[in-house]
Amino acid sequence: MNRSVIQYFVGGLMVLFSFYQVYVKEYWEASMYLSAGLAFITMGLIKNEALPRYKALINVLSWVFILVAVFLFLFLVRTEG
């Protein structure tokens, strides 16, 4: 299986799990899973070279999604105790 397809699959699963988190009213966790899933999807777009004109923009977006997911994870770890 192609690496970008695996990243699309994992990203899609994380986005779907974020919808479940919204369903159970865990909005902070939903936002973390959504940003992590979007990071996987944008990294798949970079590896697949689907949008070569926008590669720099997609790269910046992927880093933004990664950093948001990390900060949300650290926030959730700190506030869950």
N, C-alpha and C. Protein backbone atom coordinates (compact mmCIF):
# COMPACT_ATOMS: atom_id res chain seq x y z
N MET A 1 0.84 -1.18 0.00
CA MET A 1 0.00 0.00 0.00
C MET A 1 0.89 1.24 0.00
N ASN A 2 0.48 2.23 -0.72
CA ASN A 2 1.23 3.47 -0.83
C ASN A 2 1.23 4.21 0.51
N ARG A 3 2.35 4.87 0.82
CA ARG A 3 2.45 5.58 2.10
C ARG A 3 1.42 6.68 2.23
N SER A 4 1.15 7.39 1.15
CA SER A 4 0.17 8.47 1.24
C SER A 4 -1.23 7.92 1.48
N VAL A 5 -1.54 6.74 0.92
CA VAL A 5 -2.85 6.14 1.14
C VAL A 5 -3.00 5.75 2.61
N ILE A 6 -1.94 5.24 3.21
CA ILE A 6 -1.98 4.89 4.63
C ILE A 6 -2.21 6.15 5.47
N GLN A 7 -1.55 7.24 5.09
CA GLN A 7 -1.74 8.48 5.84
C GLN A 7 -3.16 9.02 5.67
N TYR A 8 -3.72 8.90 4.48
CA TYR A 8 -5.11 9.30 4.28
C TYR A 8 -6.04 8.45 5.15
N PHE A 9 -5.76 7.16 5.22
CA PHE A 9 -6.59 6.23 6.00
C PHE A 9 -6.53 6.56 7.48
N VAL A 10 -5.33 6.74 8.02
CA VAL A 10 -5.17 7.06 9.44
C VAL A 10 -5.79 8.42 9.74
N GLY A 11 -5.56 9.38 8.87
CA GLY A 11 -6.16 10.70 9.06
C GLY A 11 -7.67 10.66 9.03
N GLY A 12 -8.22 9.88 8.11
CA GLY A 12 -9.67 9.72 8.05
C GLY A 12 -10.24 9.07 9.29
N LEU A 13 -9.53 8.06 9.81
CA LEU A 13 -9.98 7.42 11.05
C LEU A 13 -9.96 8.40 12.22
N MET A 14 -8.93 9.24 12.28
CA MET A 14 -8.85 10.21 13.36
C MET A 14 -9.96 11.27 13.23
N VAL A 15 -10.26 11.69 12.03
CA VAL A 15 -11.34 12.65 11.82
C VAL A 15 -12.68 12.02 12.21
N LEU A 16 -12.90 10.77 11.82
CA LEU A 16 -14.13 10.08 12.21
C LEU A 16 -14.22 9.92 13.72
N PHE A 17 -13.10 9.61 14.37
CA PHE A 17 -13.10 9.49 15.83
C PHE A 17 -13.38 10.84 16.49
N SER A 18 -12.95 11.92 15.86
CA SER A 18 -13.26 13.24 16.41
C SER A 18 -14.77 13.50 16.36
N PHE A 19 -15.45 13.00 15.32
CA PHE A 19 -16.91 13.14 15.28
C PHE A 19 -17.56 12.37 16.42
N TYR A 20 -17.00 11.20 16.74
CA TYR A 20 -17.51 10.44 17.88
C TYR A 20 -17.29 11.21 19.18
N GLN A 21 -16.14 11.85 19.30
CA GLN A 21 -15.86 12.63 20.51
C GLN A 21 -16.84 13.81 20.64
N VAL A 22 -17.24 14.40 19.54
CA VAL A 22 -18.26 15.45 19.59
C VAL A 22 -19.59 14.84 20.05
N TYR A 23 -19.88 13.63 19.58
CA TYR A 23 -21.12 12.95 19.95
C TYR A 23 -21.20 12.71 21.46
N VAL A 24 -20.07 12.35 22.08
CA VAL A 24 -20.05 12.11 23.53
C VAL A 24 -19.71 13.38 24.31
N LYS A 25 -19.67 14.52 23.62
CA LYS A 25 -19.48 15.84 24.20
C LYS A 25 -18.10 16.02 24.85
N GLU A 26 -17.08 15.50 24.24
CA GLU A 26 -15.69 15.73 24.63
C GLU A 26 -15.06 16.62 23.56
N TYR A 27 -15.35 17.91 23.64
CA TYR A 27 -15.01 18.83 22.56
C TYR A 27 -13.51 19.09 22.46
N TRP A 28 -12.81 19.13 23.59
CA TRP A 28 -11.36 19.35 23.53
C TRP A 28 -10.66 18.18 22.86
N GLU A 29 -11.06 16.96 23.23
CA GLU A 29 -10.46 15.79 22.60
C GLU A 29 -10.83 15.71 21.12
N ALA A 30 -12.04 16.12 20.80
CA ALA A 30 -12.46 16.13 19.40
C ALA A 30 -11.59 17.07 18.59
N SER A 31 -11.29 18.23 19.14
CA SER A 31 -10.45 19.17 18.40
C SER A 31 -9.03 18.64 18.25
N MET A 32 -8.54 17.92 19.26
CA MET A 32 -7.20 17.34 19.15
C MET A 32 -7.16 16.27 18.05
N TYR A 33 -8.14 15.37 18.05
CA TYR A 33 -8.17 14.32 17.04
C TYR A 33 -8.41 14.90 15.64
N LEU A 34 -9.22 15.94 15.55
CA LEU A 34 -9.46 16.56 14.26
C LEU A 34 -8.18 17.19 13.71
N SER A 35 -7.45 17.91 14.55
CA SER A 35 -6.21 18.54 14.07
C SER A 35 -5.15 17.49 13.73
N ALA A 36 -5.07 16.43 14.52
CA ALA A 36 -4.11 15.36 14.20
C ALA A 36 -4.50 14.65 12.90
N GLY A 37 -5.78 14.41 12.70
CA GLY A 37 -6.23 13.79 11.46
C GLY A 37 -5.97 14.65 10.25
N LEU A 38 -6.21 15.94 10.39
CA LEU A 38 -5.92 16.85 9.28
C LEU A 38 -4.42 16.95 9.01
N ALA A 39 -3.61 16.82 10.06
CA ALA A 39 -2.16 16.80 9.86
C ALA A 39 -1.74 15.58 9.04
N PHE A 40 -2.32 14.42 9.36
CA PHE A 40 -2.01 13.22 8.58
C PHE A 40 -2.45 13.38 7.13
N ILE A 41 -3.62 13.94 6.92
CA ILE A 41 -4.13 14.10 5.56
C ILE A 41 -3.26 15.06 4.76
N THR A 42 -2.86 16.18 5.37
CA THR A 42 -2.01 17.13 4.64
C THR A 42 -0.63 16.54 4.38
N MET A 43 -0.11 15.73 5.29
CA MET A 43 1.17 15.07 5.01
C MET A 43 1.03 14.07 3.86
N GLY A 44 -0.12 13.42 3.77
CA GLY A 44 -0.38 12.55 2.64
C GLY A 44 -0.43 13.32 1.33
N LEU A 45 -1.00 14.52 1.36
CA LEU A 45 -1.03 15.35 0.16
C LEU A 45 0.38 15.75 -0.26
N ILE A 46 1.24 16.00 0.71
CA ILE A 46 2.62 16.38 0.39
C ILE A 46 3.35 15.19 -0.24
N LYS A 47 3.21 14.00 0.37
CA LYS A 47 3.92 12.83 -0.17
C LYS A 47 3.37 12.39 -1.52
N ASN A 48 2.08 12.58 -1.73
CA ASN A 48 1.45 12.18 -2.98
C ASN A 48 1.71 13.19 -4.09
N GLU A 49 2.14 14.38 -3.72
CA GLU A 49 2.34 15.49 -4.64
C GLU A 49 1.08 15.75 -5.46
N ALA A 50 -0.05 15.79 -4.74
CA ALA A 50 -1.33 15.99 -5.39
C ALA A 50 -1.51 17.44 -5.85
N LEU A 51 -1.00 18.37 -5.09
CA LEU A 51 -1.12 19.79 -5.43
C LEU A 51 0.27 20.42 -5.44
N PRO A 52 1.03 20.24 -6.52
CA PRO A 52 2.42 20.72 -6.51
C PRO A 52 2.55 22.24 -6.43
N ARG A 53 1.55 22.97 -6.93
CA ARG A 53 1.63 24.44 -6.87
C ARG A 53 1.52 24.94 -5.43
N TYR A 54 0.82 24.21 -4.59
CA TYR A 54 0.56 24.64 -3.23
C TYR A 54 1.35 23.85 -2.20
N LYS A 55 2.47 23.27 -2.61
CA LYS A 55 3.23 22.41 -1.71
C LYS A 55 3.73 23.18 -0.48
N ALA A 56 4.19 24.41 -0.67
CA ALA A 56 4.68 25.19 0.47
C ALA A 56 3.55 25.53 1.43
N LEU A 57 2.39 25.89 0.90
CA LEU A 57 1.25 26.21 1.74
C LEU A 57 0.76 24.98 2.50
N ILE A 58 0.71 23.84 1.83
CA ILE A 58 0.28 22.61 2.48
C ILE A 58 1.28 22.21 3.55
N ASN A 59 2.56 22.43 3.30
CA ASN A 59 3.57 22.12 4.29
C ASN A 59 3.39 22.98 5.54
N VAL A 60 3.13 24.26 5.35
CA VAL A 60 2.89 25.15 6.49
C VAL A 60 1.62 24.72 7.24
N LEU A 61 0.57 24.38 6.50
CA LEU A 61 -0.66 23.93 7.14
C LEU A 61 -0.45 22.65 7.95
N SER A 62 0.34 21.74 7.41
CA SER A 62 0.59 20.49 8.15
C SER A 62 1.32 20.78 9.46
N TRP A 63 2.28 21.71 9.44
CA TRP A 63 2.99 22.05 10.68
C TRP A 63 2.06 22.75 11.66
N VAL A 64 1.17 23.57 11.16
CA VAL A 64 0.20 24.23 12.05
C VAL A 64 -0.70 23.18 12.70
N PHE A 65 -1.20 22.22 11.92
CA PHE A 65 -2.04 21.16 12.48
C PHE A 65 -1.28 20.31 13.49
N ILE A 66 -0.03 20.01 13.21
CA ILE A 66 0.78 19.22 14.14
C ILE A 66 0.97 19.98 15.45
N LEU A 67 1.32 21.25 15.36
CA LEU A 67 1.54 22.03 16.58
C LEU A 67 0.25 22.21 17.38
N VAL A 68 -0.85 22.42 16.71
CA VAL A 68 -2.13 22.53 17.42
C VAL A 68 -2.45 21.22 18.13
N ALA A 69 -2.24 20.08 17.47
CA ALA A 69 -2.50 18.79 18.09
C ALA A 69 -1.60 18.58 19.31
N VAL A 70 -0.33 18.96 19.20
CA VAL A 70 0.59 18.79 20.33
C VAL A 70 0.17 19.67 21.50
N PHE A 71 -0.16 20.93 21.23
CA PHE A 71 -0.56 21.82 22.31
C PHE A 71 -1.88 21.38 22.95
N LEU A 72 -2.81 20.89 22.16
CA LEU A 72 -4.05 20.38 22.72
C LEU A 72 -3.80 19.12 23.55
N PHE A 73 -2.91 18.26 23.10
CA PHE A 73 -2.57 17.06 23.87
C PHE A 73 -1.97 17.45 25.21
N LEU A 74 -1.02 18.37 25.19
CA LEU A 74 -0.40 18.80 26.45
C LEU A 74 -1.42 19.48 27.36
N PHE A 75 -2.32 20.26 26.79
CA PHE A 75 -3.38 20.88 27.59
C PHE A 75 -4.26 19.84 28.22
N LEU A 76 -4.64 18.81 27.45
CA LEU A 76 -5.51 17.77 27.99
C LEU A 76 -4.82 16.93 29.05
N VAL A 77 -3.54 16.67 28.87
CA VAL A 77 -2.80 15.91 29.88
C VAL A 77 -2.73 16.71 31.17
N ARG A 78 -2.53 18.01 31.05
CA ARG A 78 -2.41 18.86 32.24
C ARG A 78 -3.73 19.03 32.96
N THR A 79 -4.85 19.11 32.25
CA THR A 79 -6.13 19.40 32.89
C THR A 79 -6.90 18.15 33.29
N GLU A 80 -6.53 16.96 32.87
CA GLU A 80 -7.28 15.75 33.18
C GLU A 80 -7.06 15.28 34.61
N GLY A 81 -6.01 15.69 35.26
CA GLY A 81 -5.68 15.21 36.60
C GLY A 81 -6.47 15.87 37.62
